[in-house]
N, C-alpha and C. Protein backbone atom coordinates (compact mmCIF):
# COMPACT_ATOMS: atom_id res chain seq x y z
N UNK A 1 0.85 -1.18 0.00
CA UNK A 1 0.00 0.00 0.00
C UNK A 1 0.89 1.23 0.00
N UNK A 2 0.55 2.16 -0.87
CA UNK A 2 1.22 3.45 -0.95
C UNK A 2 0.19 4.54 -0.74
N UNK A 3 0.53 5.53 0.05
CA UNK A 3 -0.36 6.67 0.26
C UNK A 3 0.32 7.93 -0.24
N UNK A 4 -0.39 8.66 -1.10
CA UNK A 4 0.07 9.96 -1.57
C UNK A 4 -0.69 11.00 -0.77
N UNK A 5 0.05 11.86 -0.08
CA UNK A 5 -0.57 12.84 0.82
C UNK A 5 -0.25 14.25 0.34
N UNK A 6 -1.29 15.08 0.32
CA UNK A 6 -1.13 16.49 -0.04
C UNK A 6 -1.72 17.32 1.10
N UNK A 7 -0.91 18.23 1.63
CA UNK A 7 -1.39 19.17 2.64
C UNK A 7 -1.63 20.49 1.92
N UNK A 8 -2.85 21.01 2.03
CA UNK A 8 -3.22 22.23 1.30
C UNK A 8 -3.94 23.21 2.22
N UNK A 9 -3.61 24.48 2.06
CA UNK A 9 -4.27 25.54 2.81
C UNK A 9 -5.26 26.23 1.88
N UNK A 10 -6.52 26.33 2.35
CA UNK A 10 -7.59 26.92 1.56
C UNK A 10 -8.23 28.04 2.37
N UNK A 11 -8.32 29.22 1.77
CA UNK A 11 -8.92 30.35 2.48
C UNK A 11 -10.41 30.11 2.67
N UNK A 12 -10.99 30.68 3.72
CA UNK A 12 -12.43 30.47 3.98
C UNK A 12 -13.31 30.84 2.79
N UNK A 13 -12.93 31.86 2.03
CA UNK A 13 -13.75 32.29 0.89
C UNK A 13 -13.77 31.29 -0.26
N UNK A 14 -12.80 30.36 -0.29
CA UNK A 14 -12.72 29.38 -1.38
C UNK A 14 -13.06 27.96 -0.94
N UNK A 15 -13.43 27.77 0.33
CA UNK A 15 -13.64 26.42 0.83
C UNK A 15 -14.85 25.73 0.21
N UNK A 16 -15.91 26.44 -0.06
CA UNK A 16 -17.08 25.80 -0.68
C UNK A 16 -16.72 25.29 -2.07
N UNK A 17 -16.02 26.10 -2.83
CA UNK A 17 -15.61 25.69 -4.18
C UNK A 17 -14.61 24.52 -4.10
N UNK A 18 -13.73 24.55 -3.10
CA UNK A 18 -12.79 23.45 -2.87
C UNK A 18 -13.54 22.14 -2.62
N UNK A 19 -14.53 22.19 -1.75
CA UNK A 19 -15.32 20.98 -1.44
C UNK A 19 -16.03 20.47 -2.70
N UNK A 20 -16.58 21.37 -3.49
CA UNK A 20 -17.27 20.95 -4.72
C UNK A 20 -16.30 20.31 -5.70
N UNK A 21 -15.13 20.93 -5.88
CA UNK A 21 -14.14 20.39 -6.81
C UNK A 21 -13.65 19.02 -6.37
N UNK A 22 -13.37 18.87 -5.09
CA UNK A 22 -12.85 17.60 -4.59
C UNK A 22 -13.93 16.51 -4.61
N UNK A 23 -15.18 16.89 -4.37
CA UNK A 23 -16.24 15.87 -4.41
C UNK A 23 -16.47 15.35 -5.82
N UNK A 24 -16.11 16.15 -6.84
CA UNK A 24 -16.20 15.68 -8.22
C UNK A 24 -15.20 14.57 -8.52
N UNK A 25 -14.05 14.61 -7.85
CA UNK A 25 -13.02 13.62 -8.13
C UNK A 25 -13.05 12.44 -7.17
N UNK A 26 -13.42 12.69 -5.90
CA UNK A 26 -13.44 11.62 -4.91
C UNK A 26 -14.85 11.05 -4.78
N UNK A 27 -15.23 10.31 -5.79
CA UNK A 27 -16.53 9.64 -5.79
C UNK A 27 -16.28 8.19 -6.15
N UNK A 28 -17.05 7.29 -5.60
CA UNK A 28 -16.83 5.87 -5.91
C UNK A 28 -17.18 5.57 -7.36
N UNK A 29 -16.18 5.14 -8.10
CA UNK A 29 -16.40 4.77 -9.50
C UNK A 29 -16.49 3.25 -9.58
N UNK A 30 -15.44 2.59 -9.15
CA UNK A 30 -15.44 1.14 -9.07
C UNK A 30 -14.32 0.70 -8.15
N UNK A 31 -14.24 -0.56 -7.89
CA UNK A 31 -13.26 -1.10 -6.93
C UNK A 31 -11.82 -0.98 -7.40
N UNK A 32 -11.59 -0.78 -8.71
CA UNK A 32 -10.24 -0.76 -9.24
C UNK A 32 -9.58 0.61 -9.19
N UNK A 33 -10.31 1.65 -8.86
CA UNK A 33 -9.73 2.99 -8.81
C UNK A 33 -9.17 3.27 -7.43
N UNK A 34 -8.53 4.40 -7.29
CA UNK A 34 -7.90 4.76 -6.01
C UNK A 34 -8.94 5.09 -4.95
N UNK A 35 -8.49 5.00 -3.70
CA UNK A 35 -9.31 5.45 -2.57
C UNK A 35 -8.78 6.80 -2.14
N UNK A 36 -9.66 7.74 -1.89
CA UNK A 36 -9.22 9.06 -1.50
C UNK A 36 -9.98 9.57 -0.30
N UNK A 37 -9.30 10.38 0.50
CA UNK A 37 -9.89 10.94 1.70
C UNK A 37 -9.49 12.41 1.80
N UNK A 38 -10.38 13.22 2.30
CA UNK A 38 -10.08 14.62 2.59
C UNK A 38 -10.36 14.84 4.06
N UNK A 39 -9.34 15.35 4.76
CA UNK A 39 -9.48 15.58 6.19
C UNK A 39 -9.23 17.05 6.51
N UNK A 40 -9.95 17.55 7.49
CA UNK A 40 -9.81 18.92 7.95
C UNK A 40 -9.05 18.91 9.27
N UNK A 41 -8.04 19.76 9.38
CA UNK A 41 -7.29 19.89 10.63
C UNK A 41 -8.24 20.41 11.71
N UNK A 42 -8.23 19.81 12.87
CA UNK A 42 -9.16 20.19 13.93
C UNK A 42 -8.81 21.52 14.60
N UNK A 43 -7.56 21.94 14.49
CA UNK A 43 -7.15 23.21 15.10
C UNK A 43 -7.06 24.35 14.08
N UNK A 44 -6.75 24.03 12.85
CA UNK A 44 -6.60 25.03 11.79
C UNK A 44 -7.61 24.70 10.69
N UNK A 45 -8.74 25.36 10.70
CA UNK A 45 -9.83 25.02 9.78
C UNK A 45 -9.60 25.47 8.35
N UNK A 46 -8.42 25.99 8.06
CA UNK A 46 -8.05 26.32 6.69
C UNK A 46 -7.07 25.31 6.10
N UNK A 47 -6.71 24.31 6.90
CA UNK A 47 -5.73 23.32 6.48
C UNK A 47 -6.41 21.97 6.25
N UNK A 48 -6.20 21.44 5.04
CA UNK A 48 -6.80 20.17 4.65
C UNK A 48 -5.70 19.19 4.29
N UNK A 49 -5.97 17.91 4.53
CA UNK A 49 -5.06 16.84 4.15
C UNK A 49 -5.81 15.93 3.18
N UNK A 50 -5.24 15.75 2.02
CA UNK A 50 -5.81 14.85 1.03
C UNK A 50 -4.95 13.60 1.02
N UNK A 51 -5.56 12.45 1.22
CA UNK A 51 -4.85 11.18 1.25
C UNK A 51 -5.39 10.30 0.13
N UNK A 52 -4.50 9.76 -0.68
CA UNK A 52 -4.89 8.91 -1.80
C UNK A 52 -4.14 7.58 -1.63
N UNK A 53 -4.88 6.50 -1.46
CA UNK A 53 -4.30 5.17 -1.27
C UNK A 53 -4.24 4.43 -2.60
N UNK A 54 -3.07 3.86 -2.88
CA UNK A 54 -2.85 3.10 -4.10
C UNK A 54 -2.16 1.79 -3.73
N UNK A 55 -2.28 0.81 -4.60
CA UNK A 55 -1.77 -0.53 -4.28
C UNK A 55 -0.26 -0.64 -4.33
N UNK A 56 0.39 0.05 -5.28
CA UNK A 56 1.83 -0.10 -5.45
C UNK A 56 2.40 1.10 -6.22
N UNK A 57 3.71 1.10 -6.41
CA UNK A 57 4.40 2.21 -7.08
C UNK A 57 3.94 2.36 -8.54
N UNK A 58 3.70 1.26 -9.20
CA UNK A 58 3.24 1.30 -10.59
C UNK A 58 1.89 2.03 -10.68
N UNK A 59 1.00 1.74 -9.75
CA UNK A 59 -0.30 2.40 -9.71
C UNK A 59 -0.14 3.89 -9.39
N UNK A 60 0.79 4.23 -8.49
CA UNK A 60 1.07 5.63 -8.17
C UNK A 60 1.57 6.37 -9.41
N UNK A 61 2.51 5.78 -10.12
CA UNK A 61 3.05 6.41 -11.33
C UNK A 61 1.96 6.65 -12.36
N UNK A 62 1.08 5.67 -12.53
CA UNK A 62 -0.04 5.82 -13.48
C UNK A 62 -1.00 6.90 -13.01
N UNK A 63 -1.26 6.97 -11.71
CA UNK A 63 -2.16 7.98 -11.17
C UNK A 63 -1.61 9.38 -11.41
N UNK A 64 -0.31 9.57 -11.18
CA UNK A 64 0.30 10.89 -11.36
C UNK A 64 0.23 11.35 -12.82
N UNK A 65 0.15 10.43 -13.74
CA UNK A 65 0.01 10.77 -15.17
C UNK A 65 -1.44 10.89 -15.62
N UNK A 66 -2.38 10.65 -14.71
CA UNK A 66 -3.80 10.58 -15.07
C UNK A 66 -4.48 11.95 -15.11
N UNK A 67 -5.64 11.98 -15.76
CA UNK A 67 -6.47 13.18 -15.78
C UNK A 67 -6.97 13.52 -14.37
N UNK A 68 -7.24 12.51 -13.56
CA UNK A 68 -7.69 12.75 -12.18
C UNK A 68 -6.65 13.55 -11.41
N UNK A 69 -5.39 13.16 -11.53
CA UNK A 69 -4.32 13.87 -10.83
C UNK A 69 -4.19 15.30 -11.35
N UNK A 70 -4.25 15.48 -12.66
CA UNK A 70 -4.17 16.82 -13.25
C UNK A 70 -5.29 17.70 -12.73
N UNK A 71 -6.48 17.14 -12.61
CA UNK A 71 -7.64 17.88 -12.10
C UNK A 71 -7.40 18.30 -10.65
N UNK A 72 -6.95 17.35 -9.82
CA UNK A 72 -6.69 17.65 -8.40
C UNK A 72 -5.62 18.73 -8.28
N UNK A 73 -4.51 18.54 -8.98
CA UNK A 73 -3.41 19.49 -8.89
C UNK A 73 -3.84 20.89 -9.37
N UNK A 74 -4.56 20.95 -10.47
CA UNK A 74 -5.03 22.24 -10.98
C UNK A 74 -5.98 22.92 -10.02
N UNK A 75 -6.92 22.15 -9.47
CA UNK A 75 -7.88 22.72 -8.52
C UNK A 75 -7.17 23.24 -7.28
N UNK A 76 -6.19 22.50 -6.79
CA UNK A 76 -5.48 22.93 -5.59
C UNK A 76 -4.66 24.19 -5.83
N UNK A 77 -4.08 24.30 -7.01
CA UNK A 77 -3.29 25.50 -7.32
C UNK A 77 -4.17 26.74 -7.42
N UNK A 78 -5.39 26.57 -7.92
CA UNK A 78 -6.31 27.70 -8.07
C UNK A 78 -6.99 28.04 -6.74
N UNK A 79 -7.37 27.02 -5.98
CA UNK A 79 -8.19 27.24 -4.79
C UNK A 79 -7.42 27.33 -3.49
N UNK A 80 -6.18 26.93 -3.50
CA UNK A 80 -5.43 26.93 -2.25
C UNK A 80 -3.94 26.99 -2.49
N UNK A 81 -3.20 26.69 -1.46
CA UNK A 81 -1.74 26.67 -1.53
C UNK A 81 -1.27 25.31 -1.04
N UNK A 82 -0.61 24.57 -1.91
CA UNK A 82 -0.07 23.27 -1.52
C UNK A 82 1.13 23.52 -0.61
N UNK A 83 1.05 23.02 0.62
CA UNK A 83 2.13 23.23 1.58
C UNK A 83 3.10 22.06 1.61
N UNK A 84 2.61 20.88 1.27
CA UNK A 84 3.47 19.70 1.32
C UNK A 84 2.81 18.58 0.54
N UNK A 85 3.63 17.78 -0.12
CA UNK A 85 3.15 16.57 -0.79
C UNK A 85 4.17 15.48 -0.53
N UNK A 86 3.69 14.28 -0.25
CA UNK A 86 4.61 13.21 0.05
C UNK A 86 4.03 11.85 -0.26
N UNK A 87 4.93 10.90 -0.44
CA UNK A 87 4.56 9.51 -0.70
C UNK A 87 4.98 8.69 0.51
N UNK A 88 4.05 7.89 1.02
CA UNK A 88 4.30 7.07 2.19
C UNK A 88 3.95 5.62 1.87
N UNK A 89 4.82 4.72 2.25
CA UNK A 89 4.54 3.30 2.05
C UNK A 89 4.90 2.54 3.32
N UNK A 90 4.59 1.27 3.33
CA UNK A 90 4.93 0.47 4.51
C UNK A 90 6.44 0.28 4.62
N UNK A 91 7.18 0.53 3.53
CA UNK A 91 8.63 0.35 3.54
C UNK A 91 9.37 1.62 3.92
N UNK A 92 8.99 2.78 3.33
CA UNK A 92 9.69 4.01 3.63
C UNK A 92 8.81 5.21 3.26
N UNK A 93 9.23 6.39 3.69
CA UNK A 93 8.49 7.62 3.42
C UNK A 93 9.42 8.60 2.71
N UNK A 94 8.85 9.44 1.88
CA UNK A 94 9.62 10.50 1.25
C UNK A 94 8.72 11.72 1.07
N UNK A 95 9.33 12.88 1.12
CA UNK A 95 8.58 14.12 0.94
C UNK A 95 8.94 14.70 -0.41
N UNK A 96 7.94 15.16 -1.15
CA UNK A 96 8.16 15.78 -2.45
C UNK A 96 8.02 17.28 -2.28
N UNK A 97 8.92 18.02 -2.81
CA UNK A 97 8.87 19.49 -2.73
C UNK A 97 8.43 20.05 -4.05
């Protein structure tokens, strides 16, 4: 299991649009697609964590080249500020800048 994590800061004025954009991408399509979660920081209500679970590195590489990833990345750049992105697996962790 590999988890791709994105920490993003979204201003209060853009949070409704952020929720709408993310709900368009994180919807159950079928069992073979990625699992995604959006979490809100309990102390900082402008900070969100997006977690995307994938089976292996090959699936991660394909996801990063996908239209879904392009949509997520574009929406986050317009609606917020990406503070951190990283890949985590059961073997090791790395942070992407």
